[in-house]
Amino acid sequence: MYKIHFNDLVAVALCPLEKGTICNVDGQEITLIEDIAQGNKFTLKDIKKDQPIIKYGYPIGIAKDIKK
């Protein structure tokens, strides 16, 4: 997995990741709650409804209600 920018709220899976996998991103442990396909992103923290999703250091969309 790869976090592109230090302000990002998401990371990118560099290979397929299975539900239950524990990922370490910038010293933070994330336990995946679903399978993540290669190239897809997953959140590094809960993102509340109507909050921006940050990738590349910039907003790329608005969240519905996303749990990490």
Protein backbone atom coordinates (compact mmCIF):
# COMPACT_ATOMS: atom_id res chain seq x y z
CA MET A 1 0.00 0.00 0.00
CA TYR A 2 1.11 3.53 -0.67
CA LYS A 3 0.12 6.89 0.81
CA ILE A 4 0.87 9.48 -1.86
CA HIS A 5 0.81 12.75 0.14
CA PHE A 6 1.23 13.31 3.88
CA ASN A 7 -2.24 14.95 4.11
CA ASP A 8 -4.03 12.08 2.34
CA LEU A 9 -6.94 10.34 4.07
CA VAL A 10 -6.61 7.32 1.75
CA ALA A 11 -3.88 4.93 0.64
CA VAL A 12 -3.62 2.89 -2.57
CA ALA A 13 -3.37 -0.92 -2.60
CA LEU A 14 -0.31 -1.91 -4.66
CA CYS A 15 -1.51 -5.53 -4.69
CA PRO A 16 -4.82 -7.23 -3.84
CA LEU A 17 -5.49 -7.07 -0.09
CA GLU A 18 -7.86 -9.39 1.78
CA LYS A 19 -10.41 -8.47 4.42
CA GLY A 20 -8.80 -8.70 7.86
CA THR A 21 -5.33 -7.77 6.60
CA ILE A 22 -3.51 -5.46 9.01
CA CYS A 23 -1.72 -2.70 7.10
CA ASN A 24 0.88 -0.35 8.56
CA VAL A 25 0.75 3.09 6.93
CA ASP A 26 2.95 5.82 8.43
CA GLY A 27 3.10 3.93 11.73
CA GLN A 28 -0.68 3.57 11.90
CA GLU A 29 -2.21 0.07 11.88
CA ILE A 30 -5.31 -0.32 9.72
CA THR A 31 -7.38 -3.53 9.72
CA LEU A 32 -9.23 -3.86 6.42
CA ILE A 33 -12.99 -4.47 6.72
CA GLU A 34 -13.34 -5.64 3.10
CA ASP A 35 -11.21 -6.93 0.22
CA ILE A 36 -9.35 -4.19 -1.67
CA ALA A 37 -8.44 -4.76 -5.33
CA GLN A 38 -5.02 -3.75 -6.65
CA GLY A 39 -5.00 -0.04 -7.51
CA ASN A 40 -8.04 0.78 -5.38
CA LYS A 41 -7.91 3.07 -2.37
CA PHE A 42 -8.89 2.54 1.25
CA THR A 43 -9.38 5.04 4.05
CA LEU A 44 -6.86 5.63 6.80
CA LYS A 45 -9.48 7.01 9.20
CA ASP A 46 -13.24 7.34 9.42
CA ILE A 47 -14.51 10.02 7.05
CA LYS A 48 -17.87 11.52 7.97
CA LYS A 49 -20.64 12.27 5.52
CA ASP A 50 -20.07 15.41 3.40
CA GLN A 51 -16.36 15.61 4.35
CA PRO A 52 -13.76 15.80 1.55
CA ILE A 53 -11.78 12.70 0.60
CA ILE A 54 -8.12 13.78 0.30
CA LYS A 55 -5.75 12.07 -2.19
CA TYR A 56 -2.64 13.63 -3.77
CA GLY A 57 -3.03 16.28 -1.03
CA TYR A 58 -6.24 17.57 -2.65
CA PRO A 59 -9.96 16.78 -2.36
CA ILE A 60 -11.03 14.15 -4.91
CA GLY A 61 -14.64 13.80 -3.78
CA ILE A 62 -17.12 14.07 -0.94
CA ALA A 63 -17.74 11.17 1.45
CA LYS A 64 -21.06 9.50 2.11
CA ASP A 65 -20.08 7.92 5.47
CA ILE A 66 -16.91 5.86 5.28
CA LYS A 67 -15.48 3.69 8.05
CA LYS A 68 -11.79 2.83 7.94
